[in-house]
Amino acid sequence: MNFETEYKNIQFKISVEKEVYDDVSLLMGDKFNRLPNQTMIEIKKGALGPYNIIITSLENEIEYTHYLSGILLTTDSDELLDELGHYLDQENILDDIVAIRKKYAIDPGPAWK
């Protein structure tokens, strides 16, 4: 799924790709980073799935690419866009990207200038 949006005068191209696992137990991680049982049940039922999100931000012909991997979202294609929007808002993803762009911008120079 691909779509575009504009936020704070920055053009965003967002691509969502579903990850494919032969063995869902690979998502368990180590003993300190395990998914809750209910989440694993939803994954095994096929209601949740891991996605990679690739966000390209473009402002003044300067383009950055941002990667998010292993994001658990619904597998229902009718609800995926709404859930992705909620995730991006809840985690302040676009605001974080705007802040990164400002931090590393050559113009107008460093903050102390």
N, C-alpha and C. Protein backbone atom coordinates (compact mmCIF):
# COMPACT_ATOMS: atom_id res chain seq x y z
N MET A 1 0.85 -1.16 0.00
CA MET A 1 0.00 0.00 0.00
C MET A 1 0.91 1.23 0.00
N ASN A 2 0.65 2.15 -0.88
CA ASN A 2 1.41 3.38 -0.98
C ASN A 2 0.45 4.57 -0.96
N PHE A 3 0.84 5.63 -0.27
CA PHE A 3 0.06 6.86 -0.33
C PHE A 3 0.96 8.03 0.01
N GLU A 4 0.45 9.22 -0.26
CA GLU A 4 1.19 10.45 -0.02
C GLU A 4 0.35 11.40 0.81
N THR A 5 1.06 12.25 1.58
CA THR A 5 0.40 13.27 2.37
C THR A 5 1.37 14.42 2.58
N GLU A 6 0.85 15.55 3.00
CA GLU A 6 1.69 16.69 3.34
C GLU A 6 1.44 17.05 4.79
N TYR A 7 2.53 17.32 5.51
CA TYR A 7 2.44 17.67 6.92
C TYR A 7 3.53 18.69 7.22
N LYS A 8 3.14 19.84 7.74
CA LYS A 8 4.07 20.93 8.08
C LYS A 8 4.98 21.28 6.90
N ASN A 9 4.37 21.41 5.72
CA ASN A 9 5.05 21.80 4.48
C ASN A 9 6.10 20.79 4.02
N ILE A 10 5.99 19.55 4.46
CA ILE A 10 6.88 18.48 4.02
C ILE A 10 6.02 17.43 3.33
N GLN A 11 6.45 17.00 2.15
CA GLN A 11 5.75 15.95 1.42
C GLN A 11 6.20 14.60 1.95
N PHE A 12 5.25 13.73 2.26
CA PHE A 12 5.56 12.39 2.76
C PHE A 12 5.00 11.36 1.79
N LYS A 13 5.83 10.40 1.43
CA LYS A 13 5.39 9.22 0.68
C LYS A 13 5.55 8.05 1.62
N ILE A 14 4.46 7.34 1.86
CA ILE A 14 4.47 6.26 2.85
C ILE A 14 4.13 4.95 2.14
N SER A 15 5.00 3.97 2.36
CA SER A 15 4.82 2.64 1.79
C SER A 15 4.72 1.64 2.92
N VAL A 16 3.72 0.78 2.85
CA VAL A 16 3.49 -0.23 3.89
C VAL A 16 3.62 -1.61 3.23
N GLU A 17 4.54 -2.42 3.78
CA GLU A 17 4.77 -3.76 3.23
C GLU A 17 4.59 -4.79 4.34
N LYS A 18 3.79 -5.81 4.08
CA LYS A 18 3.57 -6.85 5.08
C LYS A 18 4.77 -7.79 5.09
N GLU A 19 5.27 -8.08 6.30
CA GLU A 19 6.35 -9.06 6.46
C GLU A 19 5.74 -10.45 6.42
N VAL A 20 6.49 -11.40 5.91
CA VAL A 20 6.01 -12.78 5.84
C VAL A 20 6.95 -13.66 6.67
N TYR A 21 6.37 -14.38 7.62
CA TYR A 21 7.14 -15.30 8.46
C TYR A 21 6.59 -16.70 8.27
N ASP A 22 7.49 -17.67 8.11
CA ASP A 22 7.07 -19.06 8.07
C ASP A 22 6.73 -19.56 9.47
N ASP A 23 7.42 -19.01 10.47
CA ASP A 23 7.25 -19.43 11.85
C ASP A 23 7.00 -18.19 12.71
N VAL A 24 5.78 -18.00 13.19
CA VAL A 24 5.45 -16.80 13.97
C VAL A 24 6.20 -16.74 15.29
N SER A 25 6.76 -17.87 15.74
CA SER A 25 7.51 -17.85 16.99
C SER A 25 8.78 -16.99 16.85
N LEU A 26 9.19 -16.69 15.62
CA LEU A 26 10.34 -15.80 15.41
C LEU A 26 10.05 -14.40 15.91
N LEU A 27 8.77 -14.05 16.05
CA LEU A 27 8.39 -12.74 16.56
C LEU A 27 8.49 -12.65 18.08
N MET A 28 8.69 -13.77 18.73
CA MET A 28 8.71 -13.79 20.19
C MET A 28 9.87 -12.99 20.77
N GLY A 29 11.02 -13.00 20.13
CA GLY A 29 12.17 -12.28 20.67
C GLY A 29 12.76 -13.03 21.86
N ASP A 30 13.64 -12.35 22.58
CA ASP A 30 14.24 -12.98 23.76
C ASP A 30 13.29 -12.90 24.95
N LYS A 31 13.69 -13.48 26.07
CA LYS A 31 12.78 -13.56 27.22
C LYS A 31 12.45 -12.21 27.81
N PHE A 32 13.23 -11.18 27.51
CA PHE A 32 12.96 -9.84 28.02
C PHE A 32 12.11 -9.00 27.07
N ASN A 33 11.88 -9.52 25.90
CA ASN A 33 11.19 -8.74 24.87
C ASN A 33 10.09 -9.56 24.22
N ARG A 34 9.37 -10.31 24.98
CA ARG A 34 8.32 -11.18 24.44
C ARG A 34 7.01 -10.41 24.23
N LEU A 35 6.29 -10.86 23.23
CA LEU A 35 4.97 -10.30 22.98
C LEU A 35 3.97 -10.90 23.96
N PRO A 36 2.96 -10.13 24.36
CA PRO A 36 1.92 -10.68 25.25
C PRO A 36 1.21 -11.86 24.58
N ASN A 37 0.70 -12.76 25.41
CA ASN A 37 0.01 -13.95 24.89
C ASN A 37 -1.13 -13.61 23.96
N GLN A 38 -1.94 -12.60 24.32
CA GLN A 38 -3.09 -12.23 23.48
C GLN A 38 -2.63 -11.76 22.11
N THR A 39 -1.52 -11.03 22.06
CA THR A 39 -0.98 -10.55 20.79
C THR A 39 -0.54 -11.73 19.93
N MET A 40 0.14 -12.71 20.54
CA MET A 40 0.57 -13.90 19.79
C MET A 40 -0.63 -14.69 19.26
N ILE A 41 -1.70 -14.76 20.06
CA ILE A 41 -2.91 -15.45 19.60
C ILE A 41 -3.48 -14.74 18.38
N GLU A 42 -3.54 -13.40 18.42
CA GLU A 42 -4.06 -12.62 17.28
C GLU A 42 -3.18 -12.81 16.04
N ILE A 43 -1.87 -12.90 16.23
CA ILE A 43 -0.96 -13.14 15.10
C ILE A 43 -1.20 -14.52 14.51
N LYS A 44 -1.31 -15.54 15.37
CA LYS A 44 -1.53 -16.91 14.90
C LYS A 44 -2.87 -17.05 14.19
N LYS A 45 -3.90 -16.30 14.66
CA LYS A 45 -5.21 -16.33 13.99
C LYS A 45 -5.18 -15.57 12.68
N GLY A 46 -4.17 -14.73 12.49
CA GLY A 46 -4.08 -13.95 11.26
C GLY A 46 -4.73 -12.59 11.35
N ALA A 47 -5.16 -12.18 12.55
CA ALA A 47 -5.81 -10.87 12.71
C ALA A 47 -4.79 -9.74 12.79
N LEU A 48 -3.57 -10.04 13.25
CA LEU A 48 -2.48 -9.07 13.32
C LEU A 48 -1.31 -9.59 12.50
N GLY A 49 -0.55 -8.66 11.96
CA GLY A 49 0.63 -9.04 11.22
C GLY A 49 1.70 -7.97 11.31
N PRO A 50 2.96 -8.36 11.16
CA PRO A 50 4.04 -7.37 11.19
C PRO A 50 4.20 -6.70 9.83
N TYR A 51 4.46 -5.40 9.86
CA TYR A 51 4.61 -4.62 8.64
C TYR A 51 5.90 -3.81 8.70
N ASN A 52 6.46 -3.54 7.54
CA ASN A 52 7.54 -2.57 7.41
C ASN A 52 6.93 -1.31 6.84
N ILE A 53 7.31 -0.18 7.41
CA ILE A 53 6.81 1.11 6.92
C ILE A 53 8.01 1.92 6.46
N ILE A 54 7.97 2.33 5.21
CA ILE A 54 9.04 3.14 4.63
C ILE A 54 8.46 4.51 4.34
N ILE A 55 9.04 5.52 4.96
CA ILE A 55 8.54 6.88 4.82
C ILE A 55 9.62 7.72 4.15
N THR A 56 9.27 8.34 3.04
CA THR A 56 10.18 9.25 2.35
C THR A 56 9.65 10.66 2.58
N SER A 57 10.51 11.52 3.10
CA SER A 57 10.10 12.91 3.34
C SER A 57 10.89 13.81 2.39
N LEU A 58 10.19 14.76 1.80
CA LEU A 58 10.79 15.64 0.80
C LEU A 58 10.43 17.08 1.12
N GLU A 59 11.48 17.91 1.25
CA GLU A 59 11.29 19.34 1.48
C GLU A 59 12.44 20.06 0.82
N ASN A 60 12.12 21.07 0.02
CA ASN A 60 13.14 21.87 -0.69
C ASN A 60 14.12 20.98 -1.46
N GLU A 61 13.58 19.97 -2.13
CA GLU A 61 14.34 19.04 -2.95
C GLU A 61 15.35 18.21 -2.16
N ILE A 62 15.24 18.19 -0.84
CA ILE A 62 16.08 17.34 0.01
C ILE A 62 15.20 16.20 0.50
N GLU A 63 15.64 14.98 0.21
CA GLU A 63 14.83 13.80 0.50
C GLU A 63 15.53 12.92 1.53
N TYR A 64 14.77 12.50 2.54
CA TYR A 64 15.24 11.54 3.54
C TYR A 64 14.33 10.32 3.49
N THR A 65 14.89 9.16 3.80
CA THR A 65 14.10 7.94 3.88
C THR A 65 14.19 7.41 5.30
N HIS A 66 13.05 7.05 5.86
CA HIS A 66 12.93 6.60 7.24
C HIS A 66 12.30 5.21 7.23
N TYR A 67 12.86 4.29 8.01
CA TYR A 67 12.38 2.91 8.04
C TYR A 67 11.85 2.55 9.43
N LEU A 68 10.69 1.91 9.44
CA LEU A 68 10.13 1.34 10.66
C LEU A 68 9.84 -0.12 10.33
N SER A 69 10.31 -1.03 11.15
CA SER A 69 10.09 -2.44 10.83
C SER A 69 9.43 -3.16 12.01
N GLY A 70 8.73 -4.23 11.67
CA GLY A 70 8.09 -5.05 12.69
C GLY A 70 6.93 -4.39 13.40
N ILE A 71 6.23 -3.48 12.73
CA ILE A 71 5.09 -2.79 13.33
C ILE A 71 3.86 -3.70 13.21
N LEU A 72 3.25 -4.03 14.34
CA LEU A 72 2.07 -4.90 14.32
C LEU A 72 0.81 -4.10 14.03
N LEU A 73 0.15 -4.46 12.94
CA LEU A 73 -1.09 -3.81 12.53
C LEU A 73 -2.08 -4.88 12.10
N THR A 74 -3.31 -4.48 11.91
CA THR A 74 -4.35 -5.40 11.47
C THR A 74 -4.04 -5.94 10.07
N THR A 75 -4.52 -7.14 9.81
CA THR A 75 -4.37 -7.71 8.47
C THR A 75 -5.62 -7.45 7.62
N ASP A 76 -6.64 -6.85 8.21
CA ASP A 76 -7.86 -6.50 7.49
C ASP A 76 -7.58 -5.26 6.63
N SER A 77 -7.59 -5.44 5.32
CA SER A 77 -7.22 -4.35 4.41
C SER A 77 -8.17 -3.16 4.51
N ASP A 78 -9.43 -3.39 4.93
CA ASP A 78 -10.38 -2.29 5.07
C ASP A 78 -10.05 -1.40 6.27
N GLU A 79 -9.40 -1.96 7.28
CA GLU A 79 -9.09 -1.22 8.50
C GLU A 79 -7.63 -0.78 8.58
N LEU A 80 -6.80 -1.28 7.66
CA LEU A 80 -5.36 -1.04 7.75
C LEU A 80 -5.00 0.44 7.69
N LEU A 81 -5.59 1.18 6.78
CA LEU A 81 -5.26 2.60 6.63
C LEU A 81 -5.61 3.39 7.89
N ASP A 82 -6.79 3.12 8.46
CA ASP A 82 -7.18 3.81 9.70
C ASP A 82 -6.24 3.46 10.86
N GLU A 83 -5.89 2.19 10.97
CA GLU A 83 -5.01 1.77 12.05
C GLU A 83 -3.60 2.34 11.87
N LEU A 84 -3.13 2.41 10.63
CA LEU A 84 -1.83 3.01 10.36
C LEU A 84 -1.83 4.49 10.74
N GLY A 85 -2.89 5.20 10.37
CA GLY A 85 -3.01 6.61 10.74
C GLY A 85 -3.00 6.80 12.24
N HIS A 86 -3.71 5.93 12.95
CA HIS A 86 -3.74 6.00 14.41
C HIS A 86 -2.35 5.74 14.98
N TYR A 87 -1.65 4.75 14.43
CA TYR A 87 -0.30 4.44 14.90
C TYR A 87 0.64 5.63 14.67
N LEU A 88 0.60 6.22 13.48
CA LEU A 88 1.47 7.36 13.18
C LEU A 88 1.20 8.54 14.11
N ASP A 89 -0.08 8.77 14.42
CA ASP A 89 -0.45 9.85 15.35
C ASP A 89 -0.03 9.53 16.78
N GLN A 90 -0.34 8.33 17.22
CA GLN A 90 -0.07 7.93 18.60
C GLN A 90 1.43 7.96 18.91
N GLU A 91 2.25 7.54 17.97
CA GLU A 91 3.70 7.47 18.18
C GLU A 91 4.41 8.75 17.72
N ASN A 92 3.65 9.74 17.26
CA ASN A 92 4.22 11.01 16.81
C ASN A 92 5.30 10.83 15.74
N ILE A 93 5.09 9.89 14.84
CA ILE A 93 6.10 9.55 13.83
C ILE A 93 6.40 10.75 12.93
N LEU A 94 5.38 11.39 12.39
CA LEU A 94 5.63 12.50 11.48
C LEU A 94 6.27 13.68 12.20
N ASP A 95 5.85 13.95 13.43
CA ASP A 95 6.48 15.02 14.21
C ASP A 95 7.95 14.72 14.48
N ASP A 96 8.26 13.46 14.75
CA ASP A 96 9.65 13.06 14.97
C ASP A 96 10.48 13.26 13.70
N ILE A 97 9.91 12.94 12.56
CA ILE A 97 10.61 13.13 11.30
C ILE A 97 10.85 14.61 11.03
N VAL A 98 9.85 15.44 11.30
CA VAL A 98 10.01 16.90 11.15
C VAL A 98 11.15 17.38 12.05
N ALA A 99 11.19 16.91 13.29
CA ALA A 99 12.25 17.31 14.22
C ALA A 99 13.62 16.86 13.73
N ILE A 100 13.71 15.65 13.19
CA ILE A 100 14.98 15.15 12.65
C ILE A 100 15.43 16.01 11.47
N ARG A 101 14.49 16.35 10.60
CA ARG A 101 14.84 17.18 9.44
C ARG A 101 15.37 18.53 9.89
N LYS A 102 14.74 19.13 10.91
CA LYS A 102 15.20 20.42 11.41
C LYS A 102 16.57 20.29 12.05
N LYS A 103 16.78 19.22 12.77
CA LYS A 103 18.05 19.01 13.46
C LYS A 103 19.22 18.88 12.49
N TYR A 104 19.00 18.19 11.37
CA TYR A 104 20.07 17.93 10.43
C TYR A 104 20.07 18.85 9.21
N ALA A 105 19.21 19.84 9.21
CA ALA A 105 19.14 20.76 8.07
C ALA A 105 20.40 21.63 7.99
N ILE A 106 20.86 21.83 6.79
CA ILE A 106 22.02 22.71 6.56
C ILE A 106 21.57 24.16 6.64
N ASP A 107 20.40 24.44 6.10
CA ASP A 107 19.83 25.78 6.22
C ASP A 107 18.91 25.77 7.42
N PRO A 108 18.90 26.64 8.29
CA PRO A 108 19.63 27.89 8.41
C PRO A 108 20.94 27.75 9.19
N GLY A 109 21.38 26.54 9.45
CA GLY A 109 22.61 26.35 10.20
C GLY A 109 22.30 25.80 11.59
N PRO A 110 23.31 25.65 12.42
CA PRO A 110 23.08 25.09 13.74
C PRO A 110 22.22 25.99 14.62
N ALA A 111 21.59 25.40 15.62
CA ALA A 111 20.69 26.15 16.50
C ALA A 111 21.39 27.26 17.25
N TRP A 112 22.67 27.12 17.55
CA TRP A 112 23.40 28.13 18.31
C TRP A 112 23.80 29.32 17.47
N LYS A 113 23.61 29.23 16.16
CA LYS A 113 24.04 30.30 15.24
C LYS A 113 23.30 31.60 15.49
